Each structure stands twice: as structure tokens, then as C-alpha cells.
Amino acid sequence: MDVRQLVEASFSQPQKCYGHCEQPATLRFLDPGEPAVACYACPAGYVSKVMVYGKKDAREKLTIFMAKAVGNLPLKEGDIRTATRHSWDLDVVGFEMKVAYWTQNYRGSKSDDPNRFALFVCSRCGSLYIKPVTATGTLCANCST
């Protein structure tokens, strides 16, 4: 079983959308390659968390990926965190997976301003983009034209 299949099997249960609404956030893959890059996003596209799953520590890959994705939003080194998923977490004997992750709610600059800018995923093309939390629509600038 490859990492992406393992992630789908182990982590595809909906989670609560944190920092935006009470809707369920579902797992969406952002990059078809390995290591697996995914996010949890609600139906409006608000991204609660971005993760890179792999056999090795992917903090550097996620840092580069997030720096491109967040644009002018602040990104601090401490915003990228890591975890290890062991065989008992994954229900796979003898397998260990590293996870690097970023969560919007961990940002040191997090604000409760309803007009704050946040990271969203486009419902059509799956790219990440920035918009005000109160803005409507689920398409990035490229897809909405």
C-alpha cells in the first residue's frame, strides 16, 4: 500500500472546520505526487489544515509549499509542525509515517476579524488561494473568470 492509499484509508473521515464554520471538513489531495500533500477543507473551501504525508520528514517540502500558497499571510517557522504515525495508528504492521502539517488556527497572527484573509481551496481546480473569510464563492481567480 502506498502512502496516499494509506492516508485515504486512515484519515479520510470528516473533521470539524476549525476557525470558519461548523461544517464538516473533508480530506482533499492537493498534489498527485509523493509525498502526499493534502488538506482538510469545508464545503466553502476554507482550509483548516494542510499536511504532507511521507516516509521521511517533509517539513522542508511543506514550508516551501506553504510559502507559495499563503502569499502575504504571515508564515512563521513554528507554524509548521510534525508528527509521527505509528503502525498502531495506521493499522498496518511495521509501517511508520511522518506528517508535516500547518493549521490556520496556529498562526501567531490569527485574528477574529471577520474580514481577515485566509487560505481556501478552489472547488474547481483544487488550487489554494487567499480571500477574505466573509467573501462568497468557492472559485479561485483563474476559475471564476
Protein backbone atom coordinates (compact mmCIF):
# COMPACT_ATOMS: atom_id res chain seq x y z
CA MET A 1 0.00 0.00 0.00
CA ASP A 2 1.44 3.41 -0.94
CA VAL A 3 1.33 6.46 1.33
CA ARG A 4 -1.60 8.09 -0.47
CA GLN A 5 -3.74 4.96 -0.22
CA LEU A 6 -2.84 4.65 3.45
CA VAL A 7 -3.79 8.28 4.08
CA GLU A 8 -7.13 7.79 2.31
CA ALA A 9 -7.84 4.65 4.32
CA SER A 10 -6.77 6.08 7.69
CA PHE A 11 -7.55 9.80 7.62
CA SER A 12 -10.47 10.42 5.26
CA GLN A 13 -13.10 10.77 7.99
CA PRO A 14 -14.65 14.27 8.00
CA GLN A 15 -13.45 16.64 10.70
CA LYS A 16 -14.91 19.86 12.04
CA CYS A 17 -13.99 23.03 10.15
CA TYR A 18 -11.90 24.99 12.64
CA GLY A 19 -11.82 28.77 12.55
CA HIS A 20 -14.52 29.28 9.95
CA CYS A 21 -17.78 27.36 10.35
CA GLU A 22 -19.31 24.27 11.90
CA GLN A 23 -19.48 22.30 8.64
CA PRO A 24 -17.51 19.07 8.17
CA ALA A 25 -14.08 19.44 6.62
CA THR A 26 -13.09 16.67 4.23
CA LEU A 27 -9.71 15.41 3.09
CA ARG A 28 -8.63 16.72 -0.33
CA PHE A 29 -5.36 15.89 -2.07
CA LEU A 30 -3.53 18.92 -3.48
CA ASP A 31 -0.64 17.24 -5.29
CA PRO A 32 -0.74 13.91 -7.16
CA GLY A 33 2.88 13.06 -6.36
CA GLU A 34 4.73 11.63 -3.40
CA PRO A 35 4.94 12.59 -0.64
CA ALA A 36 1.18 13.07 -0.43
CA VAL A 37 0.08 16.70 0.04
CA ALA A 38 -3.47 17.09 1.33
CA CYS A 39 -5.73 19.43 3.23
CA TYR A 40 -8.94 19.42 5.22
CA ALA A 41 -11.42 21.93 3.83
CA CYS A 42 -15.10 22.66 4.46
CA PRO A 43 -17.72 22.96 1.66
CA ALA A 44 -16.91 26.69 1.37
CA GLY A 45 -13.29 25.76 0.70
CA TYR A 46 -11.80 27.14 3.95
CA VAL A 47 -8.61 25.19 4.64
CA SER A 48 -8.33 24.11 8.27
CA LYS A 49 -5.09 22.18 7.87
CA VAL A 50 -2.51 21.33 5.18
CA MET A 51 -0.48 18.14 5.61
CA VAL A 52 2.40 16.38 3.86
CA TYR A 53 2.47 12.64 4.50
CA GLY A 54 5.55 10.57 3.70
CA LYS A 55 8.05 8.02 4.86
CA LYS A 56 10.56 10.78 5.71
CA ASP A 57 10.20 14.12 7.48
CA ALA A 58 8.63 16.54 4.98
CA ARG A 59 8.86 19.78 6.98
CA GLU A 60 11.01 21.42 4.28
CA LYS A 61 8.61 20.43 1.47
CA LEU A 62 5.64 21.78 3.41
CA THR A 63 7.46 25.00 4.28
CA ILE A 64 8.19 25.65 0.59
CA PHE A 65 4.67 24.62 -0.45
CA MET A 66 3.04 26.86 2.17
CA ALA A 67 5.27 29.86 1.42
CA LYS A 68 3.93 29.77 -2.16
CA ALA A 69 0.34 29.16 -1.04
CA VAL A 70 -0.13 31.78 1.65
CA GLY A 71 1.08 34.79 -0.31
CA ASN A 72 1.10 37.78 2.03
CA LEU A 73 -0.24 35.91 5.05
CA PRO A 74 2.44 35.56 7.71
CA LEU A 75 4.17 32.18 7.90
CA LYS A 76 6.49 31.53 10.82
CA GLU A 77 8.82 28.57 11.24
CA GLY A 78 6.80 27.44 14.28
CA ASP A 79 3.63 27.26 12.16
CA ILE A 80 4.91 24.06 10.54
CA ARG A 81 4.72 21.14 12.94
CA THR A 82 5.48 17.45 12.64
CA ALA A 83 4.06 14.20 13.93
CA THR A 84 4.73 10.51 13.52
CA ARG A 85 2.01 7.99 12.79
CA HIS A 86 2.92 4.54 14.03
CA SER A 87 1.69 1.14 12.90
CA TRP A 88 -0.97 1.06 15.63
CA ASP A 89 -2.38 4.40 14.38
CA LEU A 90 -2.49 3.12 10.81
CA ASP A 91 -3.50 -0.49 11.40
CA VAL A 92 -0.53 -1.57 9.26
CA VAL A 93 2.13 -3.76 10.84
CA GLY A 94 5.66 -2.36 10.79
CA PHE A 95 4.89 0.91 9.00
CA GLU A 96 5.69 4.40 10.24
CA MET A 97 4.67 7.61 8.50
CA LYS A 98 5.88 11.17 9.06
CA VAL A 99 3.41 14.05 8.85
CA ALA A 100 4.32 17.73 8.49
CA TYR A 101 1.31 19.99 8.99
CA TRP A 102 0.17 23.62 9.06
CA THR A 103 -3.03 24.78 10.68
CA GLN A 104 -4.56 28.23 10.12
CA ASN A 105 -5.55 28.44 13.79
CA TYR A 106 -1.92 28.11 14.93
CA ARG A 107 -0.81 31.28 13.18
CA GLY A 108 0.59 33.72 15.67
CA SER A 109 -1.19 36.46 13.76
CA LYS A 110 -4.58 34.75 13.83
CA SER A 111 -7.31 37.31 14.08
CA ASP A 112 -11.02 37.13 14.80
CA ASP A 113 -11.63 39.96 12.33
CA PRO A 114 -14.49 38.73 10.09
CA ASN A 115 -12.79 40.37 7.09
CA ARG A 116 -9.42 38.70 7.68
CA PHE A 117 -7.77 36.95 4.77
CA ALA A 118 -7.50 33.18 4.91
CA LEU A 119 -6.45 30.21 2.81
CA PHE A 120 -9.10 28.47 0.69
CA VAL A 121 -9.06 25.65 -1.88
CA CYS A 122 -10.79 26.15 -5.23
CA SER A 123 -13.76 23.86 -5.75
CA ARG A 124 -12.98 23.51 -9.47
CA CYS A 125 -9.21 23.24 -9.92
CA GLY A 126 -8.11 22.39 -6.36
CA SER A 127 -5.53 25.17 -6.12
CA LEU A 128 -5.02 27.14 -2.93
CA TYR A 129 -5.83 30.84 -2.90
CA ILE A 130 -6.31 33.71 -0.44
CA LYS A 131 -9.56 35.63 0.08
CA PRO A 132 -11.44 37.34 2.92
CA VAL A 133 -13.23 34.88 5.18
CA THR A 134 -16.53 36.70 4.59
CA ALA A 135 -16.25 36.60 0.77
CA THR A 136 -18.66 34.29 -1.01
CA GLY A 137 -17.89 31.87 -3.82
CA THR A 138 -15.68 28.81 -3.96
CA LEU A 139 -13.61 29.50 -7.08
CA CYS A 140 -10.13 30.95 -7.35
CA ALA A 141 -9.49 33.98 -9.60
CA ASN A 142 -8.47 31.77 -12.56
CA CYS A 143 -11.63 29.65 -12.42
CA SER A 144 -14.08 32.49 -11.76
CA THR A 145 -13.26 34.33 -14.98
